[in-house]
N, C-alpha and C. Protein backbone atom coordinates (compact mmCIF):
# COMPACT_ATOMS: atom_id res chain seq x y z
N MET A 1 49.55 53.03 -19.33
CA MET A 1 48.62 53.12 -18.41
C MET A 1 50.31 53.59 -16.99
N LEU A 2 51.25 52.49 -17.21
CA LEU A 2 52.22 53.00 -17.09
C LEU A 2 53.45 54.36 -16.53
N GLU A 3 53.17 54.68 -18.05
CA GLU A 3 53.66 55.30 -18.46
C GLU A 3 52.99 57.04 -17.66
N GLU A 4 51.73 56.66 -17.00
CA GLU A 4 51.75 57.82 -16.70
C GLU A 4 51.62 57.71 -14.85
N ILE A 5 51.25 56.86 -14.95
CA ILE A 5 51.85 56.38 -12.95
C ILE A 5 53.43 57.13 -13.00
N LYS A 6 54.65 56.77 -13.98
CA LYS A 6 56.29 57.63 -14.22
C LYS A 6 55.14 59.39 -13.65
N ARG A 7 54.52 59.28 -14.79
CA ARG A 7 54.86 60.72 -14.47
C ARG A 7 54.17 61.84 -13.46
N LEU A 8 52.79 60.74 -12.76
CA LEU A 8 52.42 61.45 -11.81
C LEU A 8 53.20 61.37 -10.76
N LEU A 9 54.34 60.19 -10.43
CA LEU A 9 55.62 59.89 -8.65
C LEU A 9 56.39 61.43 -9.68
N ALA A 10 56.61 61.63 -10.30
CA ALA A 10 58.15 62.67 -11.09
C ALA A 10 57.24 64.25 -10.24
N GLU A 11 56.10 64.51 -10.73
CA GLU A 11 55.57 65.65 -10.68
C GLU A 11 56.15 66.13 -8.95
N GLU A 12 56.30 66.77 -8.32
CA GLU A 12 57.05 67.53 -7.45
C GLU A 12 55.93 68.45 -7.13
N GLY A 13 56.08 67.82 -5.68
CA GLY A 13 55.25 69.60 -5.07
C GLY A 13 53.70 68.81 -4.98
N LYS A 14 53.29 67.97 -5.24
CA LYS A 14 51.98 67.26 -4.77
C LYS A 14 53.07 66.09 -3.35
N GLU A 15 51.22 65.78 -2.23
CA GLU A 15 51.77 65.04 -1.31
C GLU A 15 51.60 64.22 -1.57
N GLU A 16 52.05 63.58 -0.49
CA GLU A 16 51.42 61.40 -0.52
C GLU A 16 50.16 61.39 -0.39
N GLN A 17 49.43 62.19 0.24
CA GLN A 17 47.64 61.98 0.02
C GLN A 17 47.43 62.55 -1.30
N GLU A 18 47.90 63.39 -1.46
CA GLU A 18 47.29 64.00 -3.04
C GLU A 18 47.39 63.15 -4.36
N LEU A 19 48.68 62.32 -3.58
CA LEU A 19 49.03 61.71 -5.42
C LEU A 19 48.42 60.38 -5.29
N LEU A 20 47.70 59.68 -4.04
CA LEU A 20 47.05 58.32 -3.93
C LEU A 20 45.59 58.65 -4.44
N ASP A 21 45.60 59.84 -3.99
CA ASP A 21 43.53 60.22 -4.92
C ASP A 21 44.03 60.36 -5.93
N THR A 22 44.88 61.15 -6.44
CA THR A 22 44.79 61.20 -7.92
C THR A 22 44.96 59.71 -8.20
N LEU A 23 45.47 59.01 -7.86
CA LEU A 23 45.84 57.14 -8.81
C LEU A 23 44.51 56.92 -8.49
N ARG A 24 44.12 57.26 -7.86
CA ARG A 24 42.85 56.85 -7.03
C ARG A 24 41.97 56.92 -8.00
N GLY A 25 41.69 57.55 -8.23
CA GLY A 25 40.79 58.55 -9.59
C GLY A 25 41.10 58.31 -10.47
N LYS A 26 42.54 57.94 -11.00
CA LYS A 26 42.79 57.72 -12.34
C LYS A 26 42.08 56.40 -12.61
N PHE A 27 42.70 55.56 -11.78
CA PHE A 27 43.26 54.31 -12.09
C PHE A 27 42.19 52.96 -11.78
N VAL A 28 41.26 53.93 -9.97
CA VAL A 28 40.81 53.12 -8.89
C VAL A 28 38.80 53.65 -9.35
N ASN A 29 38.20 52.68 -10.74
CA ASN A 29 36.91 53.83 -10.62
C ASN A 29 36.40 52.18 -11.05
N ALA A 30 34.31 52.68 -11.32
CA ALA A 30 33.91 51.61 -11.79
C ALA A 30 34.17 50.57 -12.74
N GLU A 31 34.41 51.18 -13.86
CA GLU A 31 35.24 50.52 -15.39
C GLU A 31 36.23 49.64 -15.13
N ALA A 32 37.02 50.04 -13.94
CA ALA A 32 38.23 49.31 -13.85
C ALA A 32 37.84 48.21 -12.61
N VAL A 33 36.80 48.49 -11.92
CA VAL A 33 36.14 47.72 -11.24
C VAL A 33 36.14 46.18 -11.73
N GLU A 34 34.47 46.68 -12.19
CA GLU A 34 34.18 45.64 -12.95
C GLU A 34 35.41 45.05 -13.85
N ALA A 35 35.91 45.80 -14.53
CA ALA A 35 36.89 44.90 -15.81
C ALA A 35 37.38 43.57 -14.97
N PHE A 36 38.01 43.70 -13.19
CA PHE A 36 38.80 43.21 -12.51
C PHE A 36 37.93 41.83 -11.86
N LEU A 37 36.58 42.30 -11.98
CA LEU A 37 35.46 41.50 -11.56
C LEU A 37 35.24 40.13 -12.07
N GLU A 38 35.30 40.40 -14.01
CA GLU A 38 35.04 39.42 -14.24
C GLU A 38 36.53 38.89 -15.11
N THR A 39 37.53 38.77 -14.35
CA THR A 39 39.14 38.25 -14.38
C THR A 39 38.84 36.95 -13.07
N ASP A 40 39.46 35.88 -13.30
CA ASP A 40 38.94 34.46 -12.67
C ASP A 40 39.79 35.28 -11.23
N GLU A 41 40.47 36.06 -11.05
CA GLU A 41 41.25 36.58 -9.47
C GLU A 41 39.84 36.92 -8.59
N GLY A 42 38.96 38.48 -9.92
CA GLY A 42 38.04 39.24 -9.60
C GLY A 42 36.43 37.90 -8.90
N ARG A 43 36.77 37.33 -9.86
CA ARG A 43 35.46 36.55 -9.70
C ARG A 43 35.99 35.61 -7.70
N ARG A 44 37.16 35.16 -8.10
CA ARG A 44 37.70 34.45 -6.77
C ARG A 44 37.18 35.51 -5.12
N LEU A 45 37.68 36.38 -5.63
CA LEU A 45 37.49 37.26 -4.37
C LEU A 45 35.75 37.84 -4.26
N LEU A 46 34.69 38.19 -5.63
CA LEU A 46 33.48 38.54 -4.89
C LEU A 46 33.00 36.71 -4.60
N GLN A 47 33.24 35.74 -5.34
CA GLN A 47 32.15 33.84 -5.31
C GLN A 47 31.56 34.18 -3.02
N PRO A 48 32.60 34.27 -2.95
CA PRO A 48 32.86 34.12 -1.39
C PRO A 48 31.56 34.89 -0.22
N ARG A 49 31.49 36.60 -1.61
CA ARG A 49 30.29 36.94 -0.92
C ARG A 49 29.30 37.05 -1.33
N LEU A 50 28.88 36.58 -2.57
CA LEU A 50 27.99 36.55 -3.07
C LEU A 50 27.47 34.82 -2.08
N ASP A 51 27.82 34.34 -2.40
CA ASP A 51 26.91 32.85 -2.14
C ASP A 51 26.62 33.08 0.09
N LYS A 52 26.94 34.34 0.53
CA LYS A 52 26.77 34.66 1.45
C LYS A 52 25.82 35.08 1.80
N TYR A 53 25.49 36.45 0.88
CA TYR A 53 24.10 37.17 0.28
C TYR A 53 23.10 35.98 0.31
N PHE A 54 24.03 35.32 -0.66
CA PHE A 54 22.33 34.72 -1.31
C PHE A 54 22.26 33.13 0.37
N ALA A 55 22.73 32.81 0.42
CA ALA A 55 21.93 32.29 1.43
C ALA A 55 21.96 32.24 3.20
N LYS A 56 21.60 34.11 3.23
CA LYS A 56 21.25 34.73 4.08
C LYS A 56 19.70 35.25 3.40
N GLY A 57 20.01 35.47 2.24
CA GLY A 57 18.93 35.28 1.75
C GLY A 57 17.76 34.37 1.37
N LEU A 58 17.87 33.47 1.00
CA LEU A 58 18.05 32.00 0.96
C LEU A 58 16.78 31.68 2.32
N LYS A 59 17.66 31.85 3.62
CA LYS A 59 17.00 31.03 4.73
C LYS A 59 16.60 32.01 5.00
N THR A 60 15.78 33.01 5.43
CA THR A 60 15.03 34.32 5.48
C THR A 60 13.46 33.98 4.37
N TRP A 61 14.41 33.87 3.59
CA TRP A 61 12.98 33.23 2.41
C TRP A 61 11.80 31.81 2.83
N GLN A 62 12.72 31.19 2.94
CA GLN A 62 12.59 29.59 3.34
C GLN A 62 11.54 29.48 4.86
N ASP A 63 12.68 30.92 5.71
CA ASP A 63 11.40 30.98 6.82
C ASP A 63 10.39 31.46 6.29
N ASN A 64 10.36 32.32 5.71
CA ASN A 64 9.09 33.12 5.83
C ASN A 64 8.06 32.65 4.83
N ASN A 65 8.61 31.62 4.20
CA ASN A 65 7.61 30.94 2.45
C ASN A 65 7.05 29.64 2.62
N LEU A 66 8.55 29.12 3.12
CA LEU A 66 8.50 27.84 2.22
C LEU A 66 7.36 26.71 3.30
N GLU A 67 7.25 26.84 4.27
CA GLU A 67 5.94 25.91 4.19
C GLU A 67 4.96 26.26 3.60
N LYS A 68 4.31 27.88 3.93
CA LYS A 68 2.73 28.02 2.46
C LYS A 68 3.63 27.81 1.41
N GLU A 69 4.58 27.11 0.90
CA GLU A 69 4.95 27.18 -0.49
C GLU A 69 4.28 25.18 0.00
N VAL A 70 5.33 24.94 0.70
CA VAL A 70 4.82 23.16 0.46
C VAL A 70 3.40 23.09 0.56
N GLN A 71 2.93 22.59 1.44
CA GLN A 71 1.52 22.89 2.14
C GLN A 71 0.43 23.44 0.73
N ALA A 72 0.75 24.71 -0.24
CA ALA A 72 0.43 24.80 -1.73
C ALA A 72 0.27 23.97 -2.11
N ARG A 73 1.45 23.04 -2.18
CA ARG A 73 1.36 22.42 -3.44
C ARG A 73 1.52 20.91 -3.08
N VAL A 74 0.85 20.90 -1.58
CA VAL A 74 -0.52 19.70 -1.09
C VAL A 74 -0.90 19.32 -1.21
N GLU A 75 -2.07 20.44 -1.05
CA GLU A 75 -2.83 20.67 -1.41
C GLU A 75 -3.88 20.56 -2.47
N ALA A 76 -2.92 21.06 -3.18
CA ALA A 76 -2.49 21.08 -5.17
C ALA A 76 -2.64 19.57 -5.73
N LYS A 77 -1.54 18.95 -5.22
CA LYS A 77 -1.80 17.27 -5.04
C LYS A 77 -2.42 16.14 -5.04
N ILE A 78 -3.22 17.26 -3.90
CA ILE A 78 -4.39 16.12 -3.27
C ILE A 78 -5.68 16.57 -4.22
N LYS A 79 -5.93 17.62 -4.23
CA LYS A 79 -6.98 17.99 -4.81
C LYS A 79 -6.44 17.57 -6.67
N GLU A 80 -5.59 17.50 -7.40
CA GLU A 80 -5.46 16.60 -8.36
C GLU A 80 -5.93 15.18 -9.00
N LEU A 81 -5.87 14.68 -7.33
CA LEU A 81 -5.41 13.25 -6.79
C LEU A 81 -6.78 12.80 -6.41
N TYR A 82 -7.64 13.61 -5.85
CA TYR A 82 -8.73 13.91 -4.97
C TYR A 82 -9.74 14.75 -5.16
N PRO A 83 -9.90 15.01 -7.02
CA PRO A 83 -10.98 16.20 -7.35
C PRO A 83 -12.51 16.18 -6.24
N ASP A 84 -12.49 17.69 -6.20
CA ASP A 84 -13.27 17.24 -5.20
C ASP A 84 -15.08 16.79 -5.92
N GLU A 85 -15.71 16.16 -5.02
CA GLU A 85 -16.75 14.64 -5.64
C GLU A 85 -18.04 15.93 -5.35
N THR A 86 -18.70 15.94 -6.89
CA THR A 86 -19.97 16.80 -7.49
C THR A 86 -21.00 16.03 -7.13
N PRO A 87 -22.16 16.52 -6.55
CA PRO A 87 -23.54 15.56 -6.61
C PRO A 87 -24.01 14.24 -7.05
N GLU A 88 -23.29 15.04 -8.65
CA GLU A 88 -23.98 13.26 -9.71
C GLU A 88 -23.00 12.53 -9.58
N GLY A 89 -21.44 13.03 -8.67
CA GLY A 89 -20.26 12.32 -8.77
C GLY A 89 -20.78 11.35 -7.28
N LYS A 90 -20.65 11.49 -6.87
CA LYS A 90 -20.78 11.61 -4.84
C LYS A 90 -22.17 10.49 -4.83
N LYS A 91 -23.35 10.46 -6.50
CA LYS A 91 -24.92 9.63 -5.91
C LYS A 91 -24.01 8.94 -6.70
N LEU A 92 -23.62 8.96 -8.03
CA LEU A 92 -22.77 7.22 -8.77
C LEU A 92 -21.73 6.79 -7.71
N ARG A 93 -20.92 7.33 -7.39
CA ARG A 93 -20.47 6.33 -6.29
C ARG A 93 -21.24 5.29 -4.99
N GLU A 94 -22.47 5.89 -4.42
CA GLU A 94 -23.22 5.20 -3.99
C GLU A 94 -23.69 4.38 -4.03
N LEU A 95 -24.17 4.21 -5.81
CA LEU A 95 -24.32 3.57 -6.58
C LEU A 95 -24.21 2.59 -6.60
N GLU A 96 -22.71 2.36 -6.44
CA GLU A 96 -21.90 1.54 -7.01
C GLU A 96 -21.55 1.31 -6.14
N LYS A 97 -22.00 1.83 -5.02
CA LYS A 97 -21.30 0.44 -4.28
C LYS A 97 -22.81 -0.11 -3.67
N LYS A 98 -23.97 0.21 -3.89
CA LYS A 98 -24.82 -0.28 -3.41
C LYS A 98 -25.06 -1.18 -4.54
N ILE A 99 -24.50 -1.79 -5.58
CA ILE A 99 -25.04 -3.00 -6.76
C ILE A 99 -23.65 -3.80 -5.69
N GLU A 100 -22.17 -3.50 -6.03
CA GLU A 100 -21.67 -4.52 -5.19
C GLU A 100 -22.04 -4.77 -4.51
N GLU A 101 -22.50 -4.43 -3.21
CA GLU A 101 -23.02 -4.90 -2.29
C GLU A 101 -24.54 -6.23 -2.67
N ALA A 102 -24.75 -5.23 -3.05
CA ALA A 102 -25.76 -6.55 -3.72
C ALA A 102 -25.43 -7.51 -4.72
N GLU A 103 -24.48 -7.87 -5.06
CA GLU A 103 -23.97 -8.92 -5.80
C GLU A 103 -23.15 -9.36 -5.27
N ARG A 104 -22.62 -8.92 -3.85
CA ARG A 104 -21.88 -9.89 -2.85
C ARG A 104 -22.45 -10.26 -2.38
N ARG A 105 -23.95 -10.14 -1.94
CA ARG A 105 -24.98 -10.59 -1.55
C ARG A 105 -25.45 -11.72 -2.53
N ARG A 106 -25.95 -11.70 -3.75
CA ARG A 106 -26.05 -12.56 -4.01
C ARG A 106 -25.95 -13.49 -4.05
N ILE A 107 -24.03 -13.70 -4.61
CA ILE A 107 -23.40 -14.36 -4.91
C ILE A 107 -23.22 -15.34 -3.38
N GLN A 108 -23.28 -14.82 -2.25
CA GLN A 108 -23.03 -15.33 -0.96
C GLN A 108 -24.75 -16.38 -0.71
N SER A 109 -25.52 -15.61 -1.19
CA SER A 109 -27.36 -16.61 -1.01
C SER A 109 -26.68 -17.72 -2.27
N GLU A 110 -26.25 -17.86 -3.60
CA GLU A 110 -26.12 -18.72 -4.59
C GLU A 110 -25.20 -19.80 -3.92
N LEU A 111 -24.73 -18.69 -3.66
CA LEU A 111 -23.34 -20.48 -2.88
C LEU A 111 -23.83 -20.93 -1.92
N LYS A 112 -24.68 -20.58 -0.39
CA LYS A 112 -25.74 -21.36 0.82
C LYS A 112 -26.28 -22.20 -0.06
N SER A 113 -26.79 -21.80 -1.76
CA SER A 113 -27.85 -23.03 -1.42
C SER A 113 -27.02 -23.81 -2.78
N LEU A 114 -26.11 -23.54 -2.66
CA LEU A 114 -25.23 -24.35 -3.28
C LEU A 114 -24.40 -25.43 -2.26
N VAL A 115 -24.07 -24.77 -1.44
CA VAL A 115 -23.55 -25.88 0.14
C VAL A 115 -24.79 -26.75 0.20
N THR A 116 -26.27 -26.22 0.78
CA THR A 116 -27.34 -26.67 1.45
C THR A 116 -27.86 -28.23 0.35
N THR A 117 -27.54 -27.77 -0.64
CA THR A 117 -27.89 -29.09 -1.52
C THR A 117 -26.87 -30.43 -1.90
N GLU A 118 -25.02 -29.63 -2.18
CA GLU A 118 -23.85 -30.45 -1.60
C GLU A 118 -24.18 -31.12 -0.49
N ALA A 119 -24.33 -30.73 0.92
CA ALA A 119 -25.32 -31.29 2.03
C ALA A 119 -25.58 -32.38 1.85
N HIS A 120 -27.26 -31.80 1.13
CA HIS A 120 -27.96 -33.17 1.16
C HIS A 120 -27.46 -34.24 0.61
N ALA A 121 -27.03 -34.12 -0.57
CA ALA A 121 -27.41 -35.10 -1.32
C ALA A 121 -26.09 -36.00 -0.71
N LYS A 122 -25.16 -35.60 -0.01
CA LYS A 122 -23.53 -35.72 0.10
C LYS A 122 -23.95 -36.51 2.16
N GLY A 123 -25.20 -36.90 2.07
CA GLY A 123 -25.48 -36.28 3.66
C GLY A 123 -24.92 -35.50 4.78
N LEU A 124 -24.58 -34.79 4.26
CA LEU A 124 -23.91 -34.13 5.75
C LEU A 124 -24.67 -33.28 6.65
N PRO A 125 -24.89 -33.23 7.49
CA PRO A 125 -25.82 -31.69 8.43
C PRO A 125 -25.23 -30.02 7.84
N VAL A 126 -26.68 -29.91 7.25
CA VAL A 126 -26.27 -28.26 6.52
C VAL A 126 -25.68 -27.42 7.33
N ASP A 127 -26.13 -27.41 9.14
CA ASP A 127 -24.98 -26.47 9.69
C ASP A 127 -24.26 -26.65 9.60
N LEU A 128 -23.54 -27.23 9.74
CA LEU A 128 -21.62 -27.75 9.60
C LEU A 128 -21.66 -27.02 8.55
N ALA A 129 -22.13 -27.41 7.14
CA ALA A 129 -21.84 -27.19 5.99
C ALA A 129 -21.70 -26.07 5.33
N GLN A 130 -22.41 -25.34 5.82
CA GLN A 130 -22.90 -24.10 5.97
C GLN A 130 -20.98 -23.36 6.54
N PHE A 131 -20.44 -23.31 7.02
CA PHE A 131 -18.66 -23.42 7.43
C PHE A 131 -17.97 -23.11 5.92
N ALA A 132 -18.70 -23.95 5.24
CA ALA A 132 -17.49 -23.62 3.76
C ALA A 132 -18.12 -22.83 3.21
N VAL A 133 -19.20 -21.86 2.92
CA VAL A 133 -19.18 -20.32 1.71
C VAL A 133 -18.36 -19.72 2.08
N ALA A 134 -17.61 -19.85 1.13
CA ALA A 134 -16.45 -17.72 0.87
C ALA A 134 -16.50 -17.61 -0.23
N GLY A 135 -15.65 -16.68 -0.14
CA GLY A 135 -16.12 -16.25 -1.38
C GLY A 135 -16.06 -16.03 -2.76
N ASP A 136 -16.02 -17.29 -2.89
CA ASP A 136 -16.25 -18.09 -4.55
C ASP A 136 -16.45 -19.36 -4.56
N GLU A 137 -17.64 -19.93 -5.60
CA GLU A 137 -17.94 -21.52 -5.70
C GLU A 137 -17.00 -21.94 -5.53
N GLU A 138 -15.53 -21.86 -6.30
CA GLU A 138 -14.26 -23.32 -6.35
C GLU A 138 -13.69 -23.30 -4.66
N THR A 139 -13.01 -22.39 -4.52
CA THR A 139 -13.53 -22.05 -2.44
C THR A 139 -13.54 -22.68 -1.96
N THR A 140 -15.06 -22.75 -1.88
CA THR A 140 -16.43 -23.09 -1.17
C THR A 140 -16.50 -25.09 -1.55
N ARG A 141 -16.79 -24.83 -2.80
CA ARG A 141 -16.60 -26.53 -2.81
C ARG A 141 -15.19 -27.38 -2.03
N GLU A 142 -13.80 -26.24 -2.41
CA GLU A 142 -12.71 -27.53 -1.03
C GLU A 142 -13.42 -27.22 -0.02
N ASN A 143 -14.06 -26.00 0.38
CA ASN A 143 -14.33 -26.40 1.79
C ASN A 143 -15.19 -27.32 2.07
N LEU A 144 -16.04 -27.26 1.25
CA LEU A 144 -16.81 -29.16 2.11
C LEU A 144 -16.55 -29.66 1.29
N ALA A 145 -15.47 -30.15 0.57
CA ALA A 145 -15.26 -31.47 0.50
C ALA A 145 -13.95 -31.85 1.82
N LYS A 146 -13.36 -31.10 2.40
CA LYS A 146 -13.29 -30.79 3.53
C LYS A 146 -13.78 -31.27 4.49
N ILE A 147 -14.47 -30.65 4.69
CA ILE A 147 -16.07 -30.44 5.84
C ILE A 147 -16.52 -32.17 5.40
N GLU A 148 -16.49 -32.42 4.08
CA GLU A 148 -16.98 -33.94 3.96
C GLU A 148 -16.21 -35.49 4.66
N ALA A 149 -14.91 -35.17 4.02
CA ALA A 149 -13.89 -36.00 4.19
C ALA A 149 -13.67 -35.75 6.28
N VAL A 150 -13.85 -35.08 7.21
CA VAL A 150 -13.61 -34.73 8.27
C VAL A 150 -14.99 -35.83 8.73
N PHE A 151 -15.99 -34.69 8.25
CA PHE A 151 -17.08 -35.85 8.69
C PHE A 151 -17.18 -37.64 8.97
N LYS A 152 -17.24 -37.61 7.42
CA LYS A 152 -17.08 -38.84 7.42
C LYS A 152 -16.15 -40.10 8.12
N ALA A 153 -14.72 -39.65 7.63
CA ALA A 153 -14.03 -40.20 9.14
C ALA A 153 -14.16 -40.17 10.57
N ALA A 154 -14.82 -39.03 11.38
CA ALA A 154 -15.23 -38.71 12.46
C ALA A 154 -16.62 -39.78 12.44
N VAL A 155 -17.41 -39.86 11.38
CA VAL A 155 -18.73 -40.76 11.57
C VAL A 155 -18.20 -42.79 11.57
N GLN A 156 -16.96 -42.46 10.76
CA GLN A 156 -15.90 -44.10 11.19
C GLN A 156 -15.89 -44.04 11.93
N GLU A 157 -15.47 -43.33 12.65
CA GLU A 157 -14.26 -43.38 14.16
C GLU A 157 -16.02 -44.18 15.39
N ALA A 158 -17.13 -42.90 15.20
CA ALA A 158 -17.62 -43.16 15.68
C ALA A 158 -18.78 -44.83 15.94
N VAL A 159 -18.57 -45.32 15.06
CA VAL A 159 -18.98 -46.67 13.79
C VAL A 159 -18.32 -48.56 14.61
N LYS A 160 -17.11 -47.12 14.25
CA LYS A 160 -16.06 -48.66 14.89
C LYS A 160 -16.05 -48.99 16.26
N GLY A 161 -16.47 -47.46 16.99
CA GLY A 161 -16.20 -47.33 18.17
C GLY A 161 -17.63 -47.92 18.65
N LYS A 162 -18.73 -47.85 18.28
CA LYS A 162 -19.90 -48.41 18.91
C LYS A 162 -19.97 -50.96 18.34
N PHE A 163 -19.11 -50.82 17.55
CA PHE A 163 -19.34 -52.17 17.45
C PHE A 163 -18.24 -52.45 18.38
N LYS A 164 -17.39 -51.75 18.80
CA LYS A 164 -16.61 -52.56 20.10
C LYS A 164 -17.33 -52.55 21.26
N ASP A 165 -18.64 -51.01 21.36
CA ASP A 165 -19.18 -51.63 22.50
C ASP A 165 -20.01 -52.45 22.32
N LEU A 166 -20.52 -53.06 21.41
CA LEU A 166 -21.42 -54.51 21.60
C LEU A 166 -21.34 -55.55 21.43
N GLY A 167 -19.89 -55.56 21.38
CA GLY A 167 -18.90 -56.37 20.85
C GLY A 167 -18.37 -56.97 19.54
N ARG A 168 -18.80 -56.24 18.91
CA ARG A 168 -17.98 -56.39 18.14
C ARG A 168 -17.19 -55.94 17.16
N ASP A 169 -15.49 -56.77 17.66
CA ASP A 169 -14.61 -56.20 17.15
C ASP A 169 -13.97 -56.43 16.11
N VAL A 170 -13.99 -55.73 14.99
CA VAL A 170 -13.73 -55.40 13.94
C VAL A 170 -11.90 -56.22 13.72
N GLU A 171 -11.62 -56.88 13.26
CA GLU A 171 -9.75 -57.40 13.64
C GLU A 171 -9.40 -57.36 12.31
N PRO A 172 -8.56 -56.78 12.19
CA PRO A 172 -7.20 -55.59 12.03
C PRO A 172 -7.12 -56.76 9.99
N GLY A 173 -7.37 -56.56 9.08
CA GLY A 173 -7.13 -57.34 8.27
C GLY A 173 -8.40 -58.22 8.08
N GLU A 174 -9.71 -57.81 9.12
CA GLU A 174 -11.44 -58.35 8.50
C GLU A 174 -11.66 -57.60 8.06
N LYS A 175 -12.38 -57.78 7.18
CA LYS A 175 -13.18 -56.77 6.60
C LYS A 175 -14.60 -55.99 7.55
N GLU A 176 -15.29 -54.71 6.95
CA GLU A 176 -15.64 -54.51 7.81
C GLU A 176 -17.02 -54.87 7.84
N PRO A 177 -17.65 -54.21 8.25
CA PRO A 177 -19.30 -54.68 8.13
C PRO A 177 -19.39 -53.77 6.77
N SER A 178 -19.51 -53.16 6.48
CA SER A 178 -19.95 -52.03 5.42
C SER A 178 -18.80 -51.18 5.37
N ASP A 179 -18.85 -50.32 4.31
CA ASP A 179 -17.85 -49.85 4.18
C ASP A 179 -18.16 -47.96 4.06
N PHE A 180 -17.97 -47.70 4.74
CA PHE A 180 -18.77 -46.49 5.86
C PHE A 180 -18.27 -45.06 5.02
N SER A 181 -17.38 -45.39 4.81
CA SER A 181 -16.78 -43.89 4.20
C SER A 181 -17.54 -43.71 2.60
N LYS A 182 -17.13 -44.60 1.83
CA LYS A 182 -18.01 -43.89 0.92
C LYS A 182 -19.74 -44.36 0.92
N MET A 183 -19.68 -44.43 2.13
CA MET A 183 -21.21 -43.91 2.06
C MET A 183 -22.01 -42.52 2.53
N SER A 184 -23.43 -42.43 1.81
CA SER A 184 -24.17 -40.49 1.62
C SER A 184 -24.65 -40.82 3.33
N MET A 185 -24.53 -40.22 4.66
CA MET A 185 -24.82 -39.84 5.35
C MET A 185 -26.45 -40.54 5.63
N ALA A 186 -27.18 -40.98 4.31
CA ALA A 186 -28.65 -41.25 4.19
C ALA A 186 -28.48 -42.71 4.46
N GLU A 187 -27.43 -43.01 2.87
CA GLU A 187 -26.99 -44.53 3.04
C GLU A 187 -26.76 -45.26 4.08
N TYR A 188 -26.07 -44.99 5.48
CA TYR A 188 -25.64 -44.37 6.80
C TYR A 188 -26.77 -45.14 7.46
N VAL A 189 -27.55 -44.32 7.48
CA VAL A 189 -27.96 -43.86 8.45
C VAL A 189 -29.60 -45.22 8.04
N ALA A 190 -29.99 -45.39 6.82
CA ALA A 190 -30.56 -46.70 6.51
C ALA A 190 -30.49 -47.87 6.63
N ARG A 191 -28.78 -48.21 6.77
CA ARG A 191 -28.55 -48.99 6.86
C ARG A 191 -27.82 -49.75 8.21
N ARG A 192 -27.81 -48.56 9.15
CA ARG A 192 -28.02 -48.97 10.71
C ARG A 192 -29.62 -49.15 10.93
N GLU A 193 -30.68 -48.47 10.41
CA GLU A 193 -31.85 -48.55 10.97
C GLU A 193 -32.25 -50.26 10.47
N LYS A 194 -31.47 -50.65 9.34
CA LYS A 194 -31.52 -51.87 8.64
C LYS A 194 -31.13 -53.31 9.42
N GLU A 195 -30.28 -52.89 9.50
CA GLU A 195 -29.60 -53.35 10.55
C GLU A 195 -29.58 -54.14 12.49
N GLY A 196 -30.32 -53.27 12.73
CA GLY A 196 -30.79 -53.10 13.40
C GLY A 196 -30.54 -52.57 14.72
N ILE A 197 -29.32 -51.39 14.25
CA ILE A 197 -28.43 -50.30 15.34
C ILE A 197 -29.00 -49.43 16.52
N LYS A 198 -29.08 -49.52 17.64
CA LYS A 198 -29.67 -48.15 18.13
C LYS A 198 -28.30 -48.12 18.03
N LYS A 199 -29.32 -46.78 18.18
CA LYS A 199 -27.91 -45.83 19.33
C LYS A 199 -27.07 -46.04 21.17
C-alpha cells in the first residue's frame, strides 16, 4: 500500500486535488472504513455518536410509549392478583361472608349466655357483666373476673361505709363481722336481711 502511494506521488502532471481524490478512492472506501471501525481506535471514535443517537431514540420512545407500557403492566398485574369475579365466585364470596357473620353472632350469643350464667352465680349485676363480652371465651372470662373483683371491692367499701354511718366502726386488726369479699351477691343480700341492715 505504501509503495502504491509513493508511485502515485511520483507521477508528474497530476494536480494536488486530483492526487487527493485518487488516494481517497483507492484507500478510503467502505471496506477500509469498516475495517477501521472494527479497531479499538475506530470504536472509541464511533461509540459517543452511537450513544447519542441511542439516548435520543430512547427518550423519544419513553415520551411516546413508556406511560402506556407501565399502565398496561400495572393492569396486567392487578388482573393477575385480582381476577375478574365470576357470578358463581361472587355468590360464593357472599355466602362465605354470611356464614362468617352468622358464626360471629353465634359466638357472641354464647358468650353473652356464659356471662349471664356466671354473673348470676357470682351475684354480679347482669347488665354490668355484659361489658365483659369479648371476641373469645378466654378473654371474656378474664374480663368478667376483673369486673367481679372491682365490684366486690366496691361493695365491701360500701358496707364498711354503712357500718361507719351506723356507728359500728371496725377497728384495724379487729375482725370484720363478715368477709364480704368471699361472698356472692346473693349471700351478701341474704346476710344483710338476716342482720336487719337497712339501706
